[in-house]
Amino acid sequence: MSSSKLINIIFGIAFMVLLYVIIFYALKIMYKDVKTGGKRRQGTAKKNYGIEVLTAGDNDNLEEGTMLLLRGPITIGRKEGNTVQLTDQYASGNHARLAIKNNEVYIEDLESTNGVFLNEEKIDQRAKLRPNDKIRIGSVIFKVIKSDKK
C-alpha cells in the first residue's frame, strides 16, 4: 500500500470521527433544549421594570395610572420621536433617558434646562432607580415599578 493511500485513509477516518463528535454535541444541545422546553431554570426570576404616571401635570396627552414597561431604553421630552412625548412647558425637547443595564434601571438627565428630580433631589449624572422611586420631569411625576416573573 502506498503512503498516499495510507494518508487518505487516515484523513478519512479523522474526518469521520470529527463529524461524529460534532453530531454528538449538536444532539446533546438539542436534547437539553427539548428536555427543558426552552424554559428558565426554577429559582431564576426575571425582573420587569416600568414607570407609572402618578401625576400628569400640564401634559394633556398623559393619564394618571398609565404604565409603561421598560423593554429597552426610553426617552422623555417634548420633541417628536421621544418614547414619552410631553406637552409640559417645563420639559426640554430631549429631557431624560431611562435604560436597563445588567438588570438594573438607570435614569440620566440629557442636559435639560429644568433638570430631572429623583425623590425630590435634582440629579446631575446617571442615577440608579429602585422600585417606588419618584421621578419628576417638569410637572409630571412617574413612579418606578418592578415585578418579578418566573
Protein backbone atom coordinates (compact mmCIF):
# COMPACT_ATOMS: atom_id res chain seq x y z
CA MET A 1 0.00 0.00 0.00
CA SER A 2 1.39 3.37 -0.99
CA SER A 3 1.91 6.17 1.51
CA SER A 4 -0.62 8.46 -0.26
CA LYS A 5 -3.36 5.82 0.13
CA LEU A 6 -2.47 5.43 3.81
CA ILE A 7 -2.65 9.22 4.33
CA ASN A 8 -6.04 9.33 2.57
CA ILE A 9 -7.37 6.56 4.84
CA ILE A 10 -6.08 8.33 7.99
CA PHE A 11 -7.61 11.64 6.92
CA GLY A 12 -10.85 9.88 6.05
CA ILE A 13 -11.04 8.25 9.47
CA ALA A 14 -10.13 11.52 11.22
CA PHE A 15 -12.84 13.33 9.25
CA MET A 16 -15.46 10.73 10.19
CA VAL A 17 -14.50 10.92 13.89
CA LEU A 18 -14.70 14.73 13.81
CA LEU A 19 -18.07 14.57 12.05
CA TYR A 20 -19.47 12.16 14.65
CA VAL A 21 -18.19 14.37 17.51
CA ILE A 22 -19.92 17.43 16.00
CA ILE A 23 -23.17 15.50 15.52
CA PHE A 24 -22.96 14.13 19.08
CA TYR A 25 -22.61 17.61 20.64
CA ALA A 26 -25.34 19.06 18.42
CA LEU A 27 -27.73 16.30 19.50
CA LYS A 28 -26.73 16.82 23.14
CA ILE A 29 -27.58 20.54 22.93
CA MET A 30 -30.90 19.83 21.18
CA TYR A 31 -31.78 17.21 23.82
CA LYS A 32 -31.19 19.71 26.66
CA ASP A 33 -33.32 22.31 24.88
CA VAL A 34 -36.18 19.86 24.27
CA LYS A 35 -35.93 18.49 27.81
CA THR A 36 -36.31 21.93 29.42
CA GLY A 37 -38.81 23.20 26.86
CA GLY A 38 -36.81 26.41 26.47
CA LYS A 39 -37.83 27.49 29.99
CA ARG A 40 -35.57 29.06 32.57
CA ARG A 41 -34.37 27.05 35.49
CA GLN A 42 -36.54 27.31 38.56
CA GLY A 43 -35.39 29.89 41.02
CA THR A 44 -34.23 32.44 38.47
CA ALA A 45 -36.63 35.35 38.33
CA LYS A 46 -36.76 37.91 35.56
CA LYS A 47 -37.30 41.46 36.73
CA ASN A 48 -39.58 43.67 34.69
CA TYR A 49 -39.25 47.39 35.29
CA GLY A 50 -41.66 50.09 34.29
CA ILE A 51 -42.85 53.57 35.11
CA GLU A 52 -46.33 54.65 36.17
CA VAL A 53 -47.74 58.15 35.72
CA LEU A 54 -48.66 59.38 39.22
CA THR A 55 -49.36 62.99 38.26
CA ALA A 56 -49.87 64.04 34.64
CA GLY A 57 -49.35 67.73 35.46
CA ASP A 58 -49.63 70.04 32.43
CA ASN A 59 -49.46 67.15 29.96
CA ASP A 60 -52.81 66.70 28.28
CA ASN A 61 -51.59 63.58 26.45
CA LEU A 62 -50.87 61.60 29.65
CA GLU A 63 -53.32 59.94 32.01
CA GLU A 64 -52.67 59.21 35.66
CA GLY A 65 -52.25 55.49 36.27
CA THR A 66 -50.78 54.81 32.81
CA MET A 67 -47.90 52.33 32.97
CA LEU A 68 -45.06 51.89 30.52
CA LEU A 69 -42.97 48.71 30.61
CA LEU A 70 -39.24 49.27 30.09
CA ARG A 71 -38.18 46.78 27.43
CA GLY A 72 -35.28 48.91 26.26
CA PRO A 73 -34.04 52.48 26.50
CA ILE A 74 -36.77 55.11 26.53
CA THR A 75 -36.52 58.85 26.15
CA ILE A 76 -38.75 61.51 27.66
CA GLY A 77 -39.16 65.01 26.27
CA ARG A 78 -41.23 67.41 24.19
CA LYS A 79 -39.74 66.57 20.77
CA GLU A 80 -41.38 64.09 18.46
CA GLY A 81 -39.52 60.81 18.43
CA ASN A 82 -39.28 60.52 22.21
CA THR A 83 -40.82 57.37 23.65
CA VAL A 84 -42.82 59.52 26.10
CA GLN A 85 -43.67 62.85 24.48
CA LEU A 86 -44.61 65.59 26.93
CA THR A 87 -46.51 68.79 26.27
CA ASP A 88 -45.30 70.39 29.50
CA GLN A 89 -43.68 73.81 29.01
CA TYR A 90 -41.05 72.96 31.66
CA ALA A 91 -39.84 69.85 29.81
CA SER A 92 -36.95 70.10 27.37
CA GLY A 93 -37.02 68.69 23.85
CA ASN A 94 -34.87 65.73 24.92
CA HIS A 95 -35.17 65.76 28.69
CA ALA A 96 -34.22 62.34 30.11
CA ARG A 97 -33.39 58.75 29.20
CA LEU A 98 -34.14 55.56 31.12
CA ALA A 99 -32.16 52.43 30.35
CA ILE A 100 -31.70 48.95 31.76
CA LYS A 101 -28.17 47.65 32.24
CA ASN A 102 -27.31 44.38 34.00
CA ASN A 103 -30.91 44.03 35.21
CA GLU A 104 -30.78 47.45 36.90
CA VAL A 105 -32.61 50.54 35.66
CA TYR A 106 -30.94 53.95 35.38
CA ILE A 107 -32.06 57.47 34.53
CA GLU A 108 -29.94 60.26 33.13
CA ASP A 109 -30.62 63.92 32.50
CA LEU A 110 -29.99 64.82 28.85
CA GLU A 111 -28.76 68.32 29.73
CA SER A 112 -32.29 69.60 30.21
CA THR A 113 -32.99 73.19 31.21
CA ASN A 114 -35.02 72.45 34.35
CA GLY A 115 -33.44 69.16 35.37
CA VAL A 116 -34.62 65.74 36.47
CA PHE A 117 -35.65 65.18 40.07
CA LEU A 118 -35.34 61.78 41.73
CA ASN A 119 -37.25 61.62 45.01
CA GLU A 120 -37.28 65.47 45.03
CA GLU A 121 -33.49 65.72 44.63
CA LYS A 122 -32.06 67.10 41.40
CA ILE A 123 -29.71 64.68 39.68
CA ASP A 124 -26.75 65.83 37.59
CA GLN A 125 -25.49 62.48 36.37
CA ARG A 126 -26.78 58.98 35.75
CA ALA A 127 -28.68 57.61 38.76
CA LYS A 128 -29.77 54.09 39.65
CA LEU A 129 -33.50 53.68 40.19
CA ARG A 130 -35.25 51.48 42.71
CA PRO A 131 -38.87 50.38 42.94
CA ASN A 132 -41.19 53.14 44.21
CA ASP A 133 -38.69 55.92 43.37
CA LYS A 134 -40.43 59.04 42.13
CA ILE A 135 -39.16 60.87 39.04
CA ARG A 136 -40.28 64.45 38.35
CA ILE A 137 -39.80 65.97 34.92
CA GLY A 138 -41.50 69.35 34.61
CA SER A 139 -44.89 68.89 36.23
CA VAL A 140 -45.21 65.15 35.55
CA ILE A 141 -44.35 62.62 38.26
CA PHE A 142 -43.54 58.99 37.45
CA LYS A 143 -43.14 56.10 39.88
CA VAL A 144 -40.71 53.24 39.20
CA ILE A 145 -42.41 49.84 39.34
CA LYS A 146 -40.92 46.36 39.32
CA SER A 147 -42.37 42.88 39.08
CA ASP A 148 -40.56 39.56 39.38
CA LYS A 149 -41.75 36.96 36.87
CA LYS A 150 -40.55 33.39 36.63
